């Protein structure tokens, strides 16, 4: 531990991202990236934006991008906030809407950045256990709290909570912000953004990293009541007014406009997910119902850590979480059909020995 670190730095337990090894060529099924490239219109827009204007600061309000997203969802641009990836927006939201001493609630098995944010900002929290099927129990969120955070579909399980359940949580908790993290919503779920005009306490956060193949651009957005968006802007403009660069803005606008390409690649991922899930079940795996671009699996006889290591030795990366309740599961991102065929061939050999 460095002697020059602040007390805050010393007590932090940072988020651990999926490994990105460079020692060989891998089939990467460990970081939930989209296996398909961005829309060609995105690449063209970025090329066109890479000109002498790079000497100028980008629009700090991302006006055109916010208008594009707002139009897509039938909202006003004042109801949209844009950030440098959804993780940044989540961090801003934790600071804008949650207070130390008033515990927020989120599931005990969920996106592991949530407790990191709480530690960083000094926010108290308590977790509620998932049920035996990894579903989020609605009743557990009908209690006093300083805010609620739900990943929907949840990570790393891929389980989805329906709109009626979210409405029940929103109605009960009308004095606190309910944050719905929809990083994976486009792979089969129904977005809560449709509820924004009905519930002033609802903030929905999405990303262009997954379903629109833009993990490398770092673009996320939030939709909510004008007052919530103003709160996010107050935090952002006290930290860094220019969070989105000119090239990223240009690419993101085209990604939102190219609906045909978005639907085509999304459907490819969904079809592959369903096929791979069925084949894994056929060879004895338990596969949690997923509405995400990944699946959560375990084998009744072979330990997850052993499968993880043997897959890695064969050049295939998946994610293993060494945490209570899920330490015998693997999270497998959905790749191309060719990549998943290789994955299936290798994992069948592993569990048959």
Protein backbone atom coordinates (compact mmCIF):
# COMPACT_ATOMS: atom_id res chain seq x y z
CA UNK A 1 0.00 0.00 0.00
CA UNK A 2 1.50 3.31 -1.10
CA UNK A 3 2.30 5.78 1.67
CA UNK A 4 1.05 8.65 -0.50
CA UNK A 5 -2.43 7.26 -0.95
CA UNK A 6 -5.35 9.10 0.61
CA UNK A 7 -7.47 7.36 3.24
CA UNK A 8 -10.16 6.95 0.57
CA UNK A 9 -7.78 5.21 -1.83
CA UNK A 10 -6.58 2.89 0.93
CA UNK A 11 -10.06 1.63 1.81
CA UNK A 12 -11.33 1.16 -1.74
CA UNK A 13 -12.05 -2.30 -3.13
CA UNK A 14 -12.13 -1.61 -6.87
CA UNK A 15 -14.22 -3.39 -9.47
CA UNK A 16 -12.35 -6.16 -11.28
CA UNK A 17 -13.04 -6.16 -15.04
CA UNK A 18 -12.92 -9.27 -17.19
CA UNK A 19 -9.40 -10.23 -18.18
CA UNK A 20 -8.00 -9.03 -21.49
CA UNK A 21 -4.90 -11.22 -21.97
CA UNK A 22 -2.51 -10.50 -24.84
CA UNK A 23 -0.38 -13.65 -24.74
CA UNK A 24 -2.31 -15.45 -27.51
CA UNK A 25 -5.42 -15.27 -29.64
CA UNK A 26 -8.51 -16.22 -27.62
CA UNK A 27 -12.19 -16.69 -28.26
CA UNK A 28 -13.37 -14.00 -25.84
CA UNK A 29 -16.62 -14.97 -24.18
CA UNK A 30 -15.84 -13.23 -20.89
CA UNK A 31 -16.69 -9.54 -21.24
CA UNK A 32 -20.19 -9.48 -22.81
CA UNK A 33 -19.01 -7.66 -25.92
CA UNK A 34 -21.10 -7.85 -29.07
CA UNK A 35 -19.55 -10.36 -31.50
CA UNK A 36 -20.64 -8.28 -34.49
CA UNK A 37 -19.10 -4.99 -35.66
CA UNK A 38 -20.85 -1.64 -35.40
CA UNK A 39 -23.11 -0.42 -38.16
CA UNK A 40 -21.13 0.65 -41.26
CA UNK A 41 -22.91 4.00 -40.92
CA UNK A 42 -21.26 4.42 -37.51
CA UNK A 43 -17.80 3.87 -38.94
CA UNK A 44 -18.48 6.29 -41.78
CA UNK A 45 -19.71 8.96 -39.36
CA UNK A 46 -16.59 8.63 -37.21
CA UNK A 47 -14.35 8.96 -40.28
CA UNK A 48 -16.22 12.08 -41.38
CA UNK A 49 -15.93 13.61 -37.90
CA UNK A 50 -12.15 13.06 -37.76
CA UNK A 51 -11.20 16.40 -39.29
CA UNK A 52 -9.89 19.82 -38.27
CA UNK A 53 -12.78 20.21 -35.81
CA UNK A 54 -10.93 17.96 -33.37
CA UNK A 55 -9.11 21.09 -32.20
CA UNK A 56 -12.44 22.28 -30.78
CA UNK A 57 -14.20 21.05 -27.68
CA UNK A 58 -17.26 18.88 -28.34
CA UNK A 59 -20.75 19.99 -27.41
CA UNK A 60 -20.80 19.56 -23.59
CA UNK A 61 -24.57 19.01 -23.68
CA UNK A 62 -24.47 16.42 -26.50
CA UNK A 63 -27.58 18.13 -27.85
CA UNK A 64 -27.99 16.27 -31.15
CA UNK A 65 -27.33 12.88 -29.58
CA UNK A 66 -29.79 13.57 -26.78
CA UNK A 67 -32.40 14.68 -29.33
CA UNK A 68 -31.81 11.49 -31.32
CA UNK A 69 -32.21 9.24 -28.28
CA UNK A 70 -35.23 11.19 -27.04
CA UNK A 71 -36.95 10.86 -30.42
CA UNK A 72 -36.23 7.13 -30.47
CA UNK A 73 -38.07 6.64 -27.16
CA UNK A 74 -40.76 9.28 -27.61
CA UNK A 75 -39.33 11.61 -24.94
CA UNK A 76 -37.99 15.18 -24.77
CA UNK A 77 -34.25 15.82 -24.87
CA UNK A 78 -34.50 17.29 -21.35
CA UNK A 79 -35.36 13.78 -20.18
CA UNK A 80 -32.11 12.32 -21.55
CA UNK A 81 -28.60 12.41 -20.08
CA UNK A 82 -25.55 11.13 -21.96
CA UNK A 83 -22.35 9.91 -20.32
CA UNK A 84 -19.02 8.23 -20.96
CA UNK A 85 -20.41 4.70 -20.75
CA UNK A 86 -23.23 3.64 -18.45
CA UNK A 87 -20.74 3.02 -15.63
CA UNK A 88 -20.00 6.74 -15.46
CA UNK A 89 -23.71 7.54 -15.38
CA UNK A 90 -24.25 5.03 -12.58
CA UNK A 91 -21.46 6.69 -10.60
CA UNK A 92 -23.03 10.12 -11.15
CA UNK A 93 -26.42 8.75 -10.11
CA UNK A 94 -25.09 7.28 -6.86
CA UNK A 95 -23.65 10.69 -6.00
CA UNK A 96 -26.68 12.66 -7.17
CA UNK A 97 -29.49 10.67 -5.55
CA UNK A 98 -28.22 8.58 -2.63
CA UNK A 99 -27.16 9.86 0.80
CA UNK A 100 -24.75 8.47 3.41
CA UNK A 101 -26.60 7.11 6.42
CA UNK A 102 -29.69 6.15 4.43
CA UNK A 103 -29.08 2.65 3.08
CA UNK A 104 -29.93 1.85 -0.52
CA UNK A 105 -31.01 -1.65 -1.57
CA UNK A 106 -29.86 -3.94 -4.35
CA UNK A 107 -29.70 -7.74 -4.81
CA UNK A 108 -26.91 -9.72 -3.20
CA UNK A 109 -26.00 -11.24 -6.57
CA UNK A 110 -25.81 -8.47 -9.14
CA UNK A 111 -23.42 -6.13 -10.94
CA UNK A 112 -20.41 -5.92 -8.65
CA UNK A 113 -19.78 -2.24 -9.35
CA UNK A 114 -22.71 -1.24 -7.09
CA UNK A 115 -20.93 -1.91 -3.78
CA UNK A 116 -17.80 -0.30 -5.24
CA UNK A 117 -19.72 2.93 -5.83
CA UNK A 118 -21.13 2.75 -2.32
CA UNK A 119 -17.62 2.40 -0.89
CA UNK A 120 -16.30 5.26 -2.99
CA UNK A 121 -19.09 7.69 -2.08
CA UNK A 122 -19.61 6.50 1.52
CA UNK A 123 -23.14 5.28 0.86
CA UNK A 124 -24.66 2.66 3.14
CA UNK A 125 -26.35 -0.29 1.49
CA UNK A 126 -28.03 -3.58 2.23
CA UNK A 127 -28.55 -6.49 -0.09
CA UNK A 128 -31.53 -8.77 -0.54
CA UNK A 129 -31.08 -12.43 -1.51
CA UNK A 130 -32.29 -13.78 -4.82
CA UNK A 131 -34.64 -16.75 -4.73
CA UNK A 132 -33.57 -20.30 -5.55
CA UNK A 133 -34.04 -19.61 -9.28
CA UNK A 134 -31.96 -16.41 -9.16
CA UNK A 135 -35.09 -14.27 -9.59
CA UNK A 136 -35.29 -10.93 -7.79
CA UNK A 137 -38.02 -11.06 -5.11
CA UNK A 138 -40.20 -7.98 -5.54
CA UNK A 139 -41.40 -8.02 -1.93
CA UNK A 140 -37.85 -7.49 -0.65
CA UNK A 141 -37.86 -4.02 -2.19
CA UNK A 142 -41.08 -2.97 -0.48
CA UNK A 143 -39.36 -1.59 2.60
CA UNK A 144 -37.87 1.66 3.84
CA UNK A 145 -34.76 2.66 1.89
CA UNK A 146 -32.62 5.49 0.59
CA UNK A 147 -32.85 4.27 -2.98
CA UNK A 148 -33.09 1.13 -5.07
CA UNK A 149 -30.82 -0.22 -7.77
CA UNK A 150 -31.84 -3.13 -9.98
CA UNK A 151 -29.99 -4.48 -13.00
CA UNK A 152 -32.61 -5.73 -15.45
CA UNK A 153 -31.77 -8.20 -16.89
CA UNK A 154 -29.62 -8.94 -13.89
CA UNK A 155 -25.89 -9.57 -14.09
CA UNK A 156 -24.30 -12.06 -14.01
CA UNK A 157 -27.42 -14.26 -14.12
CA UNK A 158 -29.28 -12.80 -17.12
CA UNK A 159 -32.65 -13.08 -15.32
CA UNK A 160 -35.31 -10.55 -16.32
CA UNK A 161 -37.92 -8.80 -14.17
CA UNK A 162 -41.18 -7.92 -15.91
CA UNK A 163 -42.58 -4.40 -16.16
CA UNK A 164 -45.46 -5.05 -13.75
CA UNK A 165 -43.00 -6.01 -11.01
CA UNK A 166 -40.98 -2.86 -11.60
CA UNK A 167 -44.14 -0.76 -11.43
CA UNK A 168 -44.98 -2.31 -8.07
CA UNK A 169 -41.54 -1.31 -6.76
CA UNK A 170 -41.89 2.20 -8.19
CA UNK A 171 -45.30 2.75 -6.65
CA UNK A 172 -44.24 1.63 -3.18
CA UNK A 173 -40.98 3.62 -3.20
CA UNK A 174 -42.30 6.93 -4.50
CA UNK A 175 -40.09 8.92 -2.11
CA UNK A 176 -36.80 7.46 -3.30
CA UNK A 177 -35.09 7.02 -6.64
CA UNK A 178 -35.47 3.64 -8.30
CA UNK A 179 -32.58 3.11 -10.71
CA UNK A 180 -33.06 0.41 -13.36
CA UNK A 181 -29.79 -0.56 -15.02
CA UNK A 182 -30.74 -1.86 -18.47
CA UNK A 183 -27.35 -2.66 -19.99
CA UNK A 184 -28.75 -5.88 -21.50
CA UNK A 185 -32.41 -4.99 -22.05
CA UNK A 186 -32.27 -5.14 -25.86
CA UNK A 187 -31.68 -8.89 -25.91
CA UNK A 188 -35.23 -9.87 -25.09
CA UNK A 189 -36.68 -7.67 -22.36
CA UNK A 190 -39.09 -4.74 -22.33
CA UNK A 191 -37.53 -1.44 -21.33
CA UNK A 192 -38.80 0.53 -18.34
CA UNK A 193 -38.19 3.74 -20.28
CA UNK A 194 -41.89 3.52 -21.27
CA UNK A 195 -42.68 4.32 -17.60
CA UNK A 196 -40.58 7.48 -17.31
CA UNK A 197 -43.48 9.90 -17.80
CA UNK A 198 -45.57 8.08 -15.17
CA UNK A 199 -43.01 7.81 -12.37
CA UNK A 200 -40.87 10.85 -11.44
CA UNK A 201 -38.69 8.62 -9.23
CA UNK A 202 -37.60 6.35 -12.10
CA UNK A 203 -34.16 6.59 -13.68
CA UNK A 204 -33.34 4.13 -16.46
CA UNK A 205 -29.73 3.70 -17.55
CA UNK A 206 -28.71 2.06 -20.82
CA UNK A 207 -25.53 1.61 -22.82
CA UNK A 208 -24.57 1.43 -26.49
CA UNK A 209 -21.73 -0.96 -25.62
CA UNK A 210 -23.71 -4.18 -25.89
CA UNK A 211 -26.59 -4.27 -28.37
CA UNK A 212 -25.14 -1.54 -30.60
CA UNK A 213 -21.56 -2.86 -30.63
CA UNK A 214 -19.94 0.32 -29.30
CA UNK A 215 -18.03 -0.84 -26.22
CA UNK A 216 -14.95 0.91 -27.61
CA UNK A 217 -16.68 4.31 -27.85
CA UNK A 218 -17.94 4.41 -24.23
CA UNK A 219 -21.44 5.80 -24.65
CA UNK A 220 -24.26 5.43 -22.16
CA UNK A 221 -27.46 7.34 -21.50
CA UNK A 222 -30.10 7.79 -18.84
CA UNK A 223 -33.80 8.55 -19.21
CA UNK A 224 -35.85 10.09 -16.45
CA UNK A 225 -37.83 12.98 -15.08
CA UNK A 226 -36.37 16.41 -15.92
CA UNK A 227 -35.44 16.92 -12.28
CA UNK A 228 -33.43 13.69 -12.16
CA UNK A 229 -31.60 14.64 -15.36
CA UNK A 230 -30.81 18.06 -13.87
CA UNK A 231 -29.33 16.29 -10.83
CA UNK A 232 -27.06 14.22 -13.07
CA UNK A 233 -25.97 17.35 -14.91
CA UNK A 234 -25.11 19.11 -11.65
CA UNK A 235 -22.79 16.24 -10.74
CA UNK A 236 -21.27 15.94 -14.21
CA UNK A 237 -20.59 19.66 -14.50
CA UNK A 238 -18.88 19.62 -11.11
CA UNK A 239 -16.59 16.88 -12.37
CA UNK A 240 -16.02 17.17 -16.13
CA UNK A 241 -18.27 19.09 -18.51
CA UNK A 242 -16.83 17.42 -21.62
CA UNK A 243 -17.32 13.72 -20.92
CA UNK A 244 -18.11 12.67 -24.52
CA UNK A 245 -15.71 13.32 -27.38
CA UNK A 246 -16.65 14.50 -30.85
CA UNK A 247 -16.03 11.16 -32.59
CA UNK A 248 -18.06 9.21 -30.04
CA UNK A 249 -21.00 11.58 -30.38
CA UNK A 250 -21.01 11.23 -34.17
CA UNK A 251 -20.84 7.44 -34.04
CA UNK A 252 -23.51 7.13 -31.36
CA UNK A 253 -25.99 9.24 -33.32
CA UNK A 254 -25.73 6.91 -36.30
CA UNK A 255 -25.92 3.83 -34.09
CA UNK A 256 -29.26 5.02 -32.74
CA UNK A 257 -30.53 5.84 -36.23
CA UNK A 258 -29.62 2.55 -37.93
CA UNK A 259 -32.53 0.54 -36.57
CA UNK A 260 -32.37 -2.13 -39.27
CA UNK A 261 -28.77 -3.05 -38.46
CA UNK A 262 -29.47 -2.98 -34.73
CA UNK A 263 -32.38 -5.40 -35.08
CA UNK A 264 -30.44 -7.71 -37.39
CA UNK A 265 -27.45 -8.15 -35.08
CA UNK A 266 -29.57 -8.32 -31.94
CA UNK A 267 -31.66 -11.13 -33.40
CA UNK A 268 -28.50 -13.02 -34.35
CA UNK A 269 -27.31 -12.92 -30.75
CA UNK A 270 -30.71 -14.02 -29.42
CA UNK A 271 -30.95 -16.95 -31.83
CA UNK A 272 -27.44 -18.11 -30.97
CA UNK A 273 -28.13 -17.78 -27.23
CA UNK A 274 -31.22 -19.98 -27.49
CA UNK A 275 -29.47 -22.60 -29.61
CA UNK A 276 -26.42 -22.81 -27.36
CA UNK A 277 -28.58 -22.94 -24.22
CA UNK A 278 -30.54 -25.87 -25.61
CA UNK A 279 -27.39 -27.78 -26.55
CA UNK A 280 -25.86 -27.23 -23.11
CA UNK A 281 -29.01 -28.49 -21.42
CA UNK A 282 -28.87 -31.58 -23.62
CA UNK A 283 -25.42 -32.46 -22.25
CA UNK A 284 -26.44 -31.98 -18.63
CA UNK A 285 -25.79 -28.31 -17.87
CA UNK A 286 -28.12 -26.15 -15.84
CA UNK A 287 -28.71 -22.94 -17.80
CA UNK A 288 -30.37 -19.99 -16.08
CA UNK A 289 -33.11 -18.37 -18.22
CA UNK A 290 -31.39 -15.42 -19.88
CA UNK A 291 -32.62 -12.25 -21.55
CA UNK A 292 -29.07 -10.95 -21.95
CA UNK A 293 -26.22 -11.50 -24.41
CA UNK A 294 -24.73 -14.08 -22.07
CA UNK A 295 -25.76 -17.25 -20.25
CA UNK A 296 -25.10 -18.42 -16.70
CA UNK A 297 -24.35 -22.13 -16.48
CA UNK A 298 -23.19 -24.92 -14.20
CA UNK A 299 -22.59 -28.63 -14.51
CA UNK A 300 -23.78 -31.06 -11.80
CA UNK A 301 -20.58 -33.10 -11.81
CA UNK A 302 -17.70 -30.90 -13.00
CA UNK A 303 -16.65 -27.86 -10.96
CA UNK A 304 -16.94 -24.48 -12.65
CA UNK A 305 -13.37 -23.50 -11.80
CA UNK A 306 -12.10 -26.65 -13.50
CA UNK A 307 -14.17 -26.01 -16.62
CA UNK A 308 -13.00 -22.39 -16.60
CA UNK A 309 -9.34 -23.39 -16.49
CA UNK A 310 -9.65 -26.10 -19.13
CA UNK A 311 -11.50 -23.75 -21.47
CA UNK A 312 -8.75 -21.18 -20.99
CA UNK A 313 -6.11 -23.77 -21.83
CA UNK A 314 -8.01 -24.38 -25.08
CA UNK A 315 -8.04 -20.66 -25.91
CA UNK A 316 -11.57 -19.85 -24.74
CA UNK A 317 -12.20 -17.20 -22.08
CA UNK A 318 -15.35 -17.22 -19.94
CA UNK A 319 -16.03 -15.55 -16.57
CA UNK A 320 -15.87 -17.33 -13.23
CA UNK A 321 -16.98 -15.45 -10.11
CA UNK A 322 -15.45 -16.88 -6.96
CA UNK A 323 -18.26 -15.61 -4.76
CA UNK A 324 -20.73 -17.33 -2.42
CA UNK A 325 -23.82 -18.61 -4.17
CA UNK A 326 -22.39 -18.45 -7.68
CA UNK A 327 -18.90 -19.95 -7.32
CA UNK A 328 -19.93 -23.05 -9.27
CA UNK A 329 -21.35 -21.07 -12.20
CA UNK A 330 -19.76 -19.68 -15.33
CA UNK A 331 -20.94 -16.65 -17.27
CA UNK A 332 -20.54 -17.16 -21.00
CA UNK A 333 -20.93 -14.26 -23.42
CA UNK A 334 -22.61 -15.08 -26.72
CA UNK A 335 -20.19 -14.98 -29.63
CA UNK A 336 -20.67 -15.67 -33.31
CA UNK A 337 -22.13 -19.02 -34.34
CA UNK A 338 -18.64 -20.20 -35.31
CA UNK A 339 -17.18 -19.19 -31.94
CA UNK A 340 -20.01 -20.84 -30.05
CA UNK A 341 -19.68 -24.03 -32.09
CA UNK A 342 -16.03 -24.21 -31.00
CA UNK A 343 -17.05 -23.50 -27.41
CA UNK A 344 -19.64 -26.27 -27.47
CA UNK A 345 -17.20 -28.78 -28.96
CA UNK A 346 -14.56 -28.04 -26.32
CA UNK A 347 -16.90 -27.95 -23.32
CA UNK A 348 -18.56 -31.22 -24.37
CA UNK A 349 -15.14 -32.87 -24.33
CA UNK A 350 -14.38 -31.37 -20.91
CA UNK A 351 -17.49 -32.65 -19.16
CA UNK A 352 -17.49 -36.05 -20.88
CA UNK A 353 -14.08 -37.07 -19.46
